[in-house]
Amino acid sequence: MGINKVENISTKRGDAGESSNYSSEKFPKDHIVFETLGTIDELSAFLGLTFHHTHYEQIKIIQKTLQAINSLIATNPENKAYETLRKINEKDIGFIEEQEQKLLQRKDIEAKFHLPGSETSKQNAYFDYARTIARRTERTVVRFINATQREDLNFVRAYLNRLSDLLFILARNFDTN
């Protein structure tokens, strides 16, 4: 059954400047949890746009991992539901590193400063911009981890660090052929 009433989208519960995480804990809308969730969502949305300009299929896998990360961040680890969530692990990080290695085997990256967006195509520029969002996302997640002492998210931090590296490589190495 789909959503067919505006009340199901616009609940008005956030009109007073508060919202709830998946564990039903209320926080001000400017709380680090919502800043973190929103930044990850922004990265995923821009990667969706990047996909439409590049057709780099691995973006869909990355977006699904980002959704899993958002679920982890939005759920208190003490909540029963947390146990059912997909956790980020070495396999996720390995996927990113594997993609990096495949690209670097096709073409070396010149060891110099690279001007963002100035490579050979618009597609490369999309990857550069996605990289900057990924770096901001990583900084926001680090602030969230430090503020909440969420050591369960250490693989998330590593994943985001590798993801921005992959996006850097793609911006230098994406071939539209």
N, C-alpha and C. Protein backbone atom coordinates (compact mmCIF):
# COMPACT_ATOMS: atom_id res chain seq x y z
N MET A 1 0.85 -1.17 0.00
CA MET A 1 0.00 0.00 0.00
C MET A 1 0.90 1.24 0.00
N GLY A 2 0.67 2.14 -0.89
CA GLY A 2 1.47 3.34 -1.03
C GLY A 2 0.97 4.49 -0.19
N ILE A 3 1.73 5.54 -0.17
CA ILE A 3 1.35 6.77 0.52
C ILE A 3 0.47 7.56 -0.42
N ASN A 4 -0.73 7.89 0.03
CA ASN A 4 -1.64 8.64 -0.83
C ASN A 4 -2.27 9.85 -0.14
N LYS A 5 -1.77 10.19 1.06
CA LYS A 5 -2.28 11.35 1.79
C LYS A 5 -1.10 12.19 2.26
N VAL A 6 -1.22 13.50 2.12
CA VAL A 6 -0.15 14.40 2.51
C VAL A 6 0.16 14.26 4.01
N GLU A 7 -0.83 13.90 4.82
CA GLU A 7 -0.62 13.73 6.26
C GLU A 7 0.39 12.63 6.57
N ASN A 8 0.55 11.68 5.65
CA ASN A 8 1.52 10.61 5.86
C ASN A 8 2.95 11.08 5.62
N ILE A 9 3.10 12.16 4.87
CA ILE A 9 4.41 12.75 4.62
C ILE A 9 4.65 13.92 5.57
N SER A 10 3.69 14.83 5.61
CA SER A 10 3.80 16.04 6.42
C SER A 10 3.05 15.82 7.73
N THR A 11 3.74 15.23 8.71
CA THR A 11 3.10 14.89 9.99
C THR A 11 2.96 16.09 10.91
N LYS A 12 3.72 17.14 10.66
CA LYS A 12 3.74 18.38 11.44
C LYS A 12 4.38 18.20 12.81
N ARG A 13 4.88 17.01 13.13
CA ARG A 13 5.51 16.78 14.42
C ARG A 13 6.81 17.57 14.55
N GLY A 14 7.45 17.90 13.43
CA GLY A 14 8.70 18.64 13.48
C GLY A 14 8.55 20.15 13.45
N ASP A 15 7.32 20.64 13.42
CA ASP A 15 7.09 22.09 13.33
C ASP A 15 7.68 22.86 14.50
N ALA A 16 7.83 22.24 15.64
CA ALA A 16 8.36 22.91 16.83
C ALA A 16 9.89 22.85 16.89
N GLY A 17 10.53 22.32 15.83
CA GLY A 17 11.99 22.29 15.80
C GLY A 17 12.61 21.06 16.41
N GLU A 18 11.82 20.02 16.61
CA GLU A 18 12.33 18.75 17.12
C GLU A 18 11.94 17.63 16.17
N SER A 19 12.72 16.57 16.22
CA SER A 19 12.41 15.39 15.44
C SER A 19 12.90 14.17 16.20
N SER A 20 12.56 13.01 15.71
CA SER A 20 12.96 11.77 16.39
C SER A 20 13.84 10.93 15.49
N ASN A 21 14.73 10.18 16.11
CA ASN A 21 15.53 9.22 15.36
C ASN A 21 14.72 7.92 15.23
N TYR A 22 15.30 6.88 14.64
CA TYR A 22 14.58 5.62 14.45
C TYR A 22 14.24 4.94 15.77
N SER A 23 14.96 5.32 16.83
CA SER A 23 14.69 4.75 18.16
C SER A 23 13.64 5.56 18.92
N SER A 24 13.00 6.52 18.25
CA SER A 24 11.96 7.38 18.82
C SER A 24 12.48 8.32 19.91
N GLU A 25 13.78 8.59 19.91
CA GLU A 25 14.34 9.56 20.83
C GLU A 25 14.24 10.94 20.18
N LYS A 26 13.77 11.93 20.93
CA LYS A 26 13.59 13.27 20.39
C LYS A 26 14.85 14.09 20.58
N PHE A 27 15.17 14.86 19.52
CA PHE A 27 16.32 15.76 19.53
C PHE A 27 15.93 17.04 18.79
N PRO A 28 16.61 18.16 19.12
CA PRO A 28 16.40 19.36 18.30
C PRO A 28 16.84 19.08 16.87
N LYS A 29 16.20 19.72 15.91
CA LYS A 29 16.53 19.46 14.51
C LYS A 29 17.96 19.84 14.14
N ASP A 30 18.60 20.68 14.95
CA ASP A 30 19.99 21.04 14.67
C ASP A 30 20.99 20.15 15.41
N HIS A 31 20.52 19.05 15.98
CA HIS A 31 21.38 18.09 16.70
C HIS A 31 22.32 17.41 15.71
N ILE A 32 23.48 17.01 16.18
CA ILE A 32 24.49 16.37 15.33
C ILE A 32 23.95 15.11 14.65
N VAL A 33 23.00 14.43 15.25
CA VAL A 33 22.46 13.22 14.61
C VAL A 33 21.78 13.58 13.29
N PHE A 34 21.03 14.67 13.27
CA PHE A 34 20.33 15.05 12.04
C PHE A 34 21.27 15.69 11.04
N GLU A 35 22.27 16.42 11.54
CA GLU A 35 23.30 16.96 10.64
C GLU A 35 24.01 15.82 9.93
N THR A 36 24.32 14.78 10.67
CA THR A 36 25.02 13.62 10.10
C THR A 36 24.14 12.89 9.09
N LEU A 37 22.91 12.62 9.47
CA LEU A 37 21.98 11.93 8.55
C LEU A 37 21.76 12.74 7.28
N GLY A 38 21.60 14.04 7.42
CA GLY A 38 21.37 14.90 6.26
C GLY A 38 22.57 14.97 5.34
N THR A 39 23.76 14.98 5.91
CA THR A 39 24.97 15.05 5.08
C THR A 39 25.16 13.75 4.31
N ILE A 40 24.89 12.63 4.94
CA ILE A 40 24.97 11.35 4.24
C ILE A 40 23.92 11.28 3.14
N ASP A 41 22.73 11.76 3.43
CA ASP A 41 21.66 11.80 2.42
C ASP A 41 22.06 12.69 1.25
N GLU A 42 22.68 13.83 1.53
CA GLU A 42 23.14 14.72 0.46
C GLU A 42 24.17 14.02 -0.42
N LEU A 43 25.10 13.31 0.20
CA LEU A 43 26.10 12.57 -0.57
C LEU A 43 25.42 11.53 -1.46
N SER A 44 24.49 10.79 -0.90
CA SER A 44 23.80 9.76 -1.69
C SER A 44 23.01 10.37 -2.84
N ALA A 45 22.35 11.50 -2.58
CA ALA A 45 21.57 12.16 -3.63
C ALA A 45 22.49 12.65 -4.75
N PHE A 46 23.64 13.21 -4.38
CA PHE A 46 24.55 13.68 -5.42
C PHE A 46 25.16 12.51 -6.18
N LEU A 47 25.42 11.42 -5.49
CA LEU A 47 25.90 10.23 -6.19
C LEU A 47 24.84 9.73 -7.18
N GLY A 48 23.56 9.85 -6.82
CA GLY A 48 22.48 9.49 -7.75
C GLY A 48 22.54 10.35 -9.00
N LEU A 49 22.76 11.64 -8.83
CA LEU A 49 22.92 12.54 -9.98
C LEU A 49 24.17 12.14 -10.79
N THR A 50 25.24 11.84 -10.09
CA THR A 50 26.49 11.43 -10.75
C THR A 50 26.26 10.16 -11.57
N PHE A 51 25.47 9.23 -11.01
CA PHE A 51 25.17 8.01 -11.76
C PHE A 51 24.51 8.32 -13.10
N HIS A 52 23.59 9.27 -13.11
CA HIS A 52 22.87 9.59 -14.35
C HIS A 52 23.78 10.24 -15.39
N HIS A 53 24.89 10.79 -14.96
CA HIS A 53 25.83 11.39 -15.90
C HIS A 53 26.99 10.46 -16.26
N THR A 54 27.18 9.38 -15.47
CA THR A 54 28.34 8.50 -15.70
C THR A 54 27.96 7.05 -15.96
N HIS A 55 26.84 6.63 -15.45
CA HIS A 55 26.40 5.22 -15.54
C HIS A 55 27.41 4.27 -14.89
N TYR A 56 28.12 4.76 -13.89
CA TYR A 56 29.05 3.93 -13.12
C TYR A 56 28.21 3.10 -12.14
N GLU A 57 28.00 1.84 -12.48
CA GLU A 57 27.04 0.97 -11.78
C GLU A 57 27.34 0.80 -10.29
N GLN A 58 28.59 0.87 -9.90
CA GLN A 58 28.95 0.66 -8.50
C GLN A 58 28.36 1.75 -7.59
N ILE A 59 27.95 2.86 -8.15
CA ILE A 59 27.32 3.93 -7.35
C ILE A 59 26.09 3.38 -6.62
N LYS A 60 25.33 2.51 -7.27
CA LYS A 60 24.12 1.97 -6.63
C LYS A 60 24.48 1.16 -5.38
N ILE A 61 25.56 0.40 -5.46
CA ILE A 61 26.03 -0.38 -4.31
C ILE A 61 26.45 0.58 -3.20
N ILE A 62 27.15 1.63 -3.56
CA ILE A 62 27.60 2.63 -2.58
C ILE A 62 26.40 3.30 -1.93
N GLN A 63 25.39 3.66 -2.71
CA GLN A 63 24.19 4.30 -2.16
C GLN A 63 23.48 3.37 -1.16
N LYS A 64 23.41 2.09 -1.46
CA LYS A 64 22.78 1.14 -0.52
C LYS A 64 23.58 1.05 0.77
N THR A 65 24.91 1.11 0.66
CA THR A 65 25.74 1.10 1.86
C THR A 65 25.52 2.38 2.66
N LEU A 66 25.39 3.51 1.98
CA LEU A 66 25.11 4.77 2.68
C LEU A 66 23.76 4.72 3.39
N GLN A 67 22.77 4.07 2.80
CA GLN A 67 21.49 3.89 3.48
C GLN A 67 21.64 3.05 4.74
N ALA A 68 22.47 2.01 4.65
CA ALA A 68 22.72 1.18 5.84
C ALA A 68 23.42 2.00 6.92
N ILE A 69 24.35 2.85 6.52
CA ILE A 69 25.05 3.72 7.47
C ILE A 69 24.04 4.66 8.14
N ASN A 70 23.15 5.24 7.37
CA ASN A 70 22.13 6.13 7.96
C ASN A 70 21.27 5.38 8.97
N SER A 71 20.92 4.16 8.68
CA SER A 71 20.12 3.37 9.63
C SER A 71 20.88 3.16 10.93
N LEU A 72 22.18 2.88 10.83
CA LEU A 72 22.99 2.68 12.04
C LEU A 72 23.06 3.96 12.87
N ILE A 73 23.29 5.08 12.19
CA ILE A 73 23.42 6.36 12.89
C ILE A 73 22.10 6.77 13.53
N ALA A 74 21.00 6.49 12.87
CA ALA A 74 19.69 6.91 13.35
C ALA A 74 19.11 6.00 14.43
N THR A 75 19.81 4.93 14.76
CA THR A 75 19.28 3.97 15.73
C THR A 75 20.24 3.87 16.91
N ASN A 76 19.69 4.01 18.09
CA ASN A 76 20.48 3.85 19.30
C ASN A 76 20.93 2.39 19.39
N PRO A 77 22.23 2.13 19.59
CA PRO A 77 22.70 0.74 19.64
C PRO A 77 22.11 -0.06 20.80
N GLU A 78 21.52 0.62 21.78
CA GLU A 78 20.89 -0.08 22.90
C GLU A 78 19.46 -0.52 22.55
N ASN A 79 18.94 -0.04 21.43
CA ASN A 79 17.60 -0.40 20.98
C ASN A 79 17.64 -1.79 20.35
N LYS A 80 16.63 -2.61 20.61
CA LYS A 80 16.56 -3.97 20.06
C LYS A 80 16.66 -4.00 18.54
N ALA A 81 16.09 -3.02 17.89
CA ALA A 81 16.09 -2.97 16.43
C ALA A 81 17.50 -2.86 15.87
N TYR A 82 18.42 -2.33 16.63
CA TYR A 82 19.78 -2.14 16.16
C TYR A 82 20.42 -3.47 15.74
N GLU A 83 20.13 -4.52 16.45
CA GLU A 83 20.70 -5.84 16.15
C GLU A 83 20.33 -6.35 14.77
N THR A 84 19.19 -5.92 14.25
CA THR A 84 18.72 -6.40 12.95
C THR A 84 19.30 -5.61 11.78
N LEU A 85 19.98 -4.50 12.08
CA LEU A 85 20.49 -3.64 11.01
C LEU A 85 21.75 -4.22 10.38
N ARG A 86 21.93 -3.92 9.11
CA ARG A 86 23.14 -4.31 8.38
C ARG A 86 24.29 -3.46 8.89
N LYS A 87 25.35 -4.13 9.32
CA LYS A 87 26.54 -3.44 9.84
C LYS A 87 27.58 -3.29 8.73
N ILE A 88 28.34 -2.22 8.80
CA ILE A 88 29.43 -1.97 7.86
C ILE A 88 30.65 -2.73 8.37
N ASN A 89 31.36 -3.39 7.46
CA ASN A 89 32.48 -4.22 7.90
C ASN A 89 33.63 -4.17 6.88
N GLU A 90 34.62 -5.03 7.12
CA GLU A 90 35.79 -5.08 6.24
C GLU A 90 35.42 -5.39 4.79
N LYS A 91 34.37 -6.16 4.60
CA LYS A 91 33.95 -6.50 3.24
C LYS A 91 33.52 -5.25 2.47
N ASP A 92 32.82 -4.34 3.14
CA ASP A 92 32.40 -3.09 2.49
C ASP A 92 33.62 -2.24 2.12
N ILE A 93 34.56 -2.16 3.03
CA ILE A 93 35.79 -1.40 2.77
C ILE A 93 36.57 -2.07 1.66
N GLY A 94 36.62 -3.39 1.67
CA GLY A 94 37.31 -4.15 0.63
C GLY A 94 36.72 -3.92 -0.75
N PHE A 95 35.40 -3.77 -0.82
CA PHE A 95 34.75 -3.48 -2.10
C PHE A 95 35.27 -2.17 -2.68
N ILE A 96 35.36 -1.15 -1.84
CA ILE A 96 35.86 0.15 -2.31
C ILE A 96 37.31 0.02 -2.76
N GLU A 97 38.13 -0.64 -1.96
CA GLU A 97 39.55 -0.79 -2.31
C GLU A 97 39.72 -1.58 -3.60
N GLU A 98 38.87 -2.56 -3.81
CA GLU A 98 38.90 -3.35 -5.05
C GLU A 98 38.59 -2.47 -6.27
N GLN A 99 37.60 -1.60 -6.13
CA GLN A 99 37.27 -0.69 -7.23
C GLN A 99 38.43 0.25 -7.51
N GLU A 100 39.06 0.75 -6.46
CA GLU A 100 40.21 1.64 -6.62
C GLU A 100 41.33 0.94 -7.40
N GLN A 101 41.62 -0.30 -7.00
CA GLN A 101 42.72 -1.02 -7.64
C GLN A 101 42.42 -1.31 -9.11
N LYS A 102 41.19 -1.67 -9.42
CA LYS A 102 40.81 -1.91 -10.82
C LYS A 102 41.05 -0.66 -11.67
N LEU A 103 40.65 0.49 -11.14
CA LEU A 103 40.82 1.73 -11.88
C LEU A 103 42.29 2.09 -12.05
N LEU A 104 43.07 1.90 -11.00
CA LEU A 104 44.49 2.24 -11.07
C LEU A 104 45.27 1.30 -11.97
N GLN A 105 44.79 0.08 -12.14
CA GLN A 105 45.43 -0.85 -13.07
C GLN A 105 45.20 -0.43 -14.51
N ARG A 106 44.07 0.24 -14.76
CA ARG A 106 43.77 0.72 -16.12
C ARG A 106 44.57 1.96 -16.47
N LYS A 107 44.78 2.84 -15.47
CA LYS A 107 45.43 4.11 -15.75
C LYS A 107 46.03 4.68 -14.47
N ASP A 108 47.32 4.99 -14.50
CA ASP A 108 47.97 5.64 -13.37
C ASP A 108 47.45 7.05 -13.21
N ILE A 109 47.55 7.56 -12.00
CA ILE A 109 47.22 8.97 -11.74
C ILE A 109 48.54 9.72 -11.62
N GLU A 110 48.64 10.79 -12.37
CA GLU A 110 49.84 11.61 -12.32
C GLU A 110 50.01 12.19 -10.92
N ALA A 111 51.22 12.09 -10.37
CA ALA A 111 51.53 12.57 -9.02
C ALA A 111 51.73 14.08 -9.05
N LYS A 112 50.63 14.81 -8.94
CA LYS A 112 50.66 16.27 -8.95
C LYS A 112 49.37 16.77 -8.33
N PHE A 113 49.29 18.07 -8.10
CA PHE A 113 48.04 18.67 -7.64
C PHE A 113 47.06 18.67 -8.81
N HIS A 114 45.86 18.22 -8.54
CA HIS A 114 44.82 18.17 -9.57
C HIS A 114 43.77 19.23 -9.27
N LEU A 115 43.48 20.05 -10.22
CA LEU A 115 42.46 21.07 -10.07
C LEU A 115 41.08 20.40 -10.20
N PRO A 116 40.25 20.45 -9.15
CA PRO A 116 38.96 19.76 -9.20
C PRO A 116 38.11 20.23 -10.38
N GLY A 117 37.52 19.26 -11.06
CA GLY A 117 36.63 19.55 -12.17
C GLY A 117 37.31 19.87 -13.48
N SER A 118 38.63 19.82 -13.49
CA SER A 118 39.35 20.25 -14.70
C SER A 118 39.87 19.09 -15.54
N GLU A 119 39.49 17.89 -15.20
CA GLU A 119 39.96 16.75 -15.99
C GLU A 119 39.24 16.74 -17.34
N THR A 120 39.14 15.63 -17.97
CA THR A 120 38.75 15.57 -19.37
C THR A 120 37.25 15.68 -19.67
N SER A 121 36.38 15.55 -18.66
CA SER A 121 34.95 15.52 -18.98
C SER A 121 34.09 16.03 -17.83
N LYS A 122 32.84 16.29 -18.15
CA LYS A 122 31.86 16.67 -17.14
C LYS A 122 31.68 15.53 -16.13
N GLN A 123 31.77 14.29 -16.60
CA GLN A 123 31.63 13.14 -15.71
C GLN A 123 32.69 13.17 -14.62
N ASN A 124 33.92 13.50 -15.01
CA ASN A 124 35.00 13.59 -14.02
C ASN A 124 34.69 14.67 -12.99
N ALA A 125 34.13 15.78 -13.43
CA ALA A 125 33.79 16.88 -12.51
C ALA A 125 32.72 16.44 -11.51
N TYR A 126 31.77 15.63 -11.94
CA TYR A 126 30.76 15.12 -11.00
C TYR A 126 31.42 14.30 -9.90
N PHE A 127 32.38 13.46 -10.27
CA PHE A 127 33.08 12.67 -9.26
C PHE A 127 33.88 13.57 -8.32
N ASP A 128 34.50 14.63 -8.85
CA ASP A 128 35.22 15.56 -7.99
C ASP A 128 34.29 16.20 -6.96
N TYR A 129 33.13 16.65 -7.41
CA TYR A 129 32.20 17.29 -6.49
C TYR A 129 31.68 16.28 -5.46
N ALA A 130 31.39 15.07 -5.91
CA ALA A 130 30.96 14.01 -4.98
C ALA A 130 32.04 13.76 -3.92
N ARG A 131 33.29 13.82 -4.33
CA ARG A 131 34.41 13.62 -3.39
C ARG A 131 34.38 14.68 -2.29
N THR A 132 34.11 15.94 -2.66
CA THR A 132 34.09 16.99 -1.64
C THR A 132 32.94 16.77 -0.65
N ILE A 133 31.82 16.29 -1.14
CA ILE A 133 30.70 15.98 -0.24
C ILE A 133 31.06 14.79 0.64
N ALA A 134 31.74 13.80 0.07
CA ALA A 134 32.16 12.63 0.85
C ALA A 134 33.12 13.04 1.97
N ARG A 135 34.03 13.96 1.69
CA ARG A 135 34.97 14.44 2.72
C ARG A 135 34.21 15.17 3.84
N ARG A 136 33.24 16.00 3.47
CA ARG A 136 32.43 16.68 4.49
C ARG A 136 31.63 15.67 5.29
N THR A 137 31.10 14.67 4.61
CA THR A 137 30.36 13.61 5.29
C THR A 137 31.26 12.91 6.30
N GLU A 138 32.46 12.60 5.89
CA GLU A 138 33.41 11.94 6.79
C GLU A 138 33.67 12.81 8.03
N ARG A 139 33.88 14.12 7.83
CA ARG A 139 34.13 15.01 8.98
C ARG A 139 32.91 15.04 9.91
N THR A 140 31.72 15.06 9.33
CA THR A 140 30.51 15.10 10.14
C THR A 140 30.33 13.80 10.93
N VAL A 141 30.61 12.68 10.28
CA VAL A 141 30.51 11.39 10.97
C VAL A 141 31.54 11.31 12.11
N VAL A 142 32.74 11.81 11.88
CA VAL A 142 33.75 11.81 12.95
C VAL A 142 33.25 12.66 14.13
N ARG A 143 32.67 13.83 13.86
CA ARG A 143 32.11 14.65 14.95
C ARG A 143 31.01 13.89 15.68
N PHE A 144 30.16 13.19 14.91
CA PHE A 144 29.08 12.42 15.53
C PHE A 144 29.64 11.31 16.41
N ILE A 145 30.62 10.58 15.90
CA ILE A 145 31.23 9.49 16.68
C ILE A 145 31.85 10.05 17.97
N ASN A 146 32.56 11.16 17.85
CA ASN A 146 33.19 11.76 19.02
C ASN A 146 32.16 12.26 20.03
N ALA A 147 31.08 12.86 19.54
CA ALA A 147 30.05 13.41 20.43
C ALA A 147 29.25 12.33 21.14
N THR A 148 29.08 11.19 20.47
CA THR A 148 28.21 10.14 21.01
C THR A 148 28.97 8.92 21.52
N GLN A 149 30.29 8.92 21.31
CA GLN A 149 31.12 7.77 21.71
C GLN A 149 30.62 6.46 21.07
N ARG A 150 30.22 6.56 19.80
CA ARG A 150 29.69 5.42 19.06
C ARG A 150 30.82 4.65 18.39
N GLU A 151 31.55 3.88 19.15
CA GLU A 151 32.66 3.10 18.61
C GLU A 151 32.19 2.01 17.65
N ASP A 152 30.91 1.70 17.67
CA ASP A 152 30.35 0.73 16.73
C ASP A 152 30.41 1.23 15.29
N LEU A 153 30.74 2.50 15.11
CA LEU A 153 30.75 3.11 13.78
C LEU A 153 32.17 3.28 13.22
N ASN A 154 33.15 2.61 13.81
CA ASN A 154 34.53 2.76 13.33
C ASN A 154 34.70 2.31 11.89
N PHE A 155 34.02 1.25 11.47
CA PHE A 155 34.10 0.82 10.08
C PHE A 155 33.42 1.83 9.15
N VAL A 156 32.41 2.51 9.65
CA VAL A 156 31.74 3.56 8.87
C VAL A 156 32.74 4.67 8.55
N ARG A 157 33.48 5.08 9.56
CA ARG A 157 34.49 6.13 9.37
C ARG A 157 35.51 5.70 8.32
N ALA A 158 36.00 4.49 8.41
CA ALA A 158 36.98 3.98 7.44
C ALA A 158 36.37 3.88 6.04
N TYR A 159 35.12 3.42 5.96
CA TYR A 159 34.45 3.30 4.67
C TYR A 159 34.36 4.65 3.97
N LEU A 160 33.96 5.67 4.70
CA LEU A 160 33.82 7.00 4.11
C LEU A 160 35.17 7.56 3.67
N ASN A 161 36.21 7.28 4.43
CA ASN A 161 37.55 7.71 4.04
C ASN A 161 37.96 7.05 2.72
N ARG A 162 37.72 5.76 2.59
CA ARG A 162 38.06 5.06 1.35
C ARG A 162 37.18 5.53 0.19
N LEU A 163 35.91 5.80 0.49
CA LEU A 163 34.99 6.25 -0.55
C LEU A 163 35.48 7.55 -1.17
N SER A 164 35.92 8.49 -0.38
CA SER A 164 36.40 9.75 -0.95
C SER A 164 37.65 9.51 -1.78
N ASP A 165 38.49 8.55 -1.38
CA ASP A 165 39.65 8.19 -2.20
C ASP A 165 39.20 7.62 -3.55
N LEU A 166 38.21 6.74 -3.52
CA LEU A 166 37.69 6.17 -4.77
C LEU A 166 37.15 7.27 -5.67
N LEU A 167 36.42 8.21 -5.11
CA LEU A 167 35.87 9.30 -5.92
C LEU A 167 36.98 10.17 -6.51
N PHE A 168 38.07 10.36 -5.77
CA PHE A 168 39.23 11.07 -6.31
C PHE A 168 39.79 10.32 -7.52
N ILE A 169 39.94 9.01 -7.37
CA ILE A 169 40.47 8.20 -8.48
C ILE A 169 39.53 8.24 -9.67
N LEU A 170 38.23 8.12 -9.41
CA LEU A 170 37.26 8.18 -10.52
C LEU A 170 37.32 9.52 -11.24
N ALA A 171 37.52 10.61 -10.51
CA ALA A 171 37.59 11.92 -11.14
C ALA A 171 38.82 12.06 -12.04
N ARG A 172 39.84 11.29 -11.77
CA ARG A 172 41.05 11.33 -12.59
C ARG A 172 41.08 10.23 -13.64
N ASN A 173 40.20 9.24 -13.49
CA ASN A 173 40.38 8.00 -14.21
C ASN A 173 39.10 7.48 -14.85
N PHE A 174 38.02 8.25 -14.80
CA PHE A 174 36.77 7.74 -15.35
C PHE A 174 36.80 7.83 -16.86
N ASP A 175 36.54 6.71 -17.49
CA ASP A 175 36.54 6.63 -18.93
C ASP A 175 35.11 6.37 -19.40
N THR A 176 34.60 7.24 -20.22
CA THR A 176 33.22 7.11 -20.69
C THR A 176 33.06 6.04 -21.75
N ASN A 177 34.13 5.45 -22.19
CA ASN A 177 34.03 4.41 -23.24
C ASN A 177 33.67 3.07 -22.65
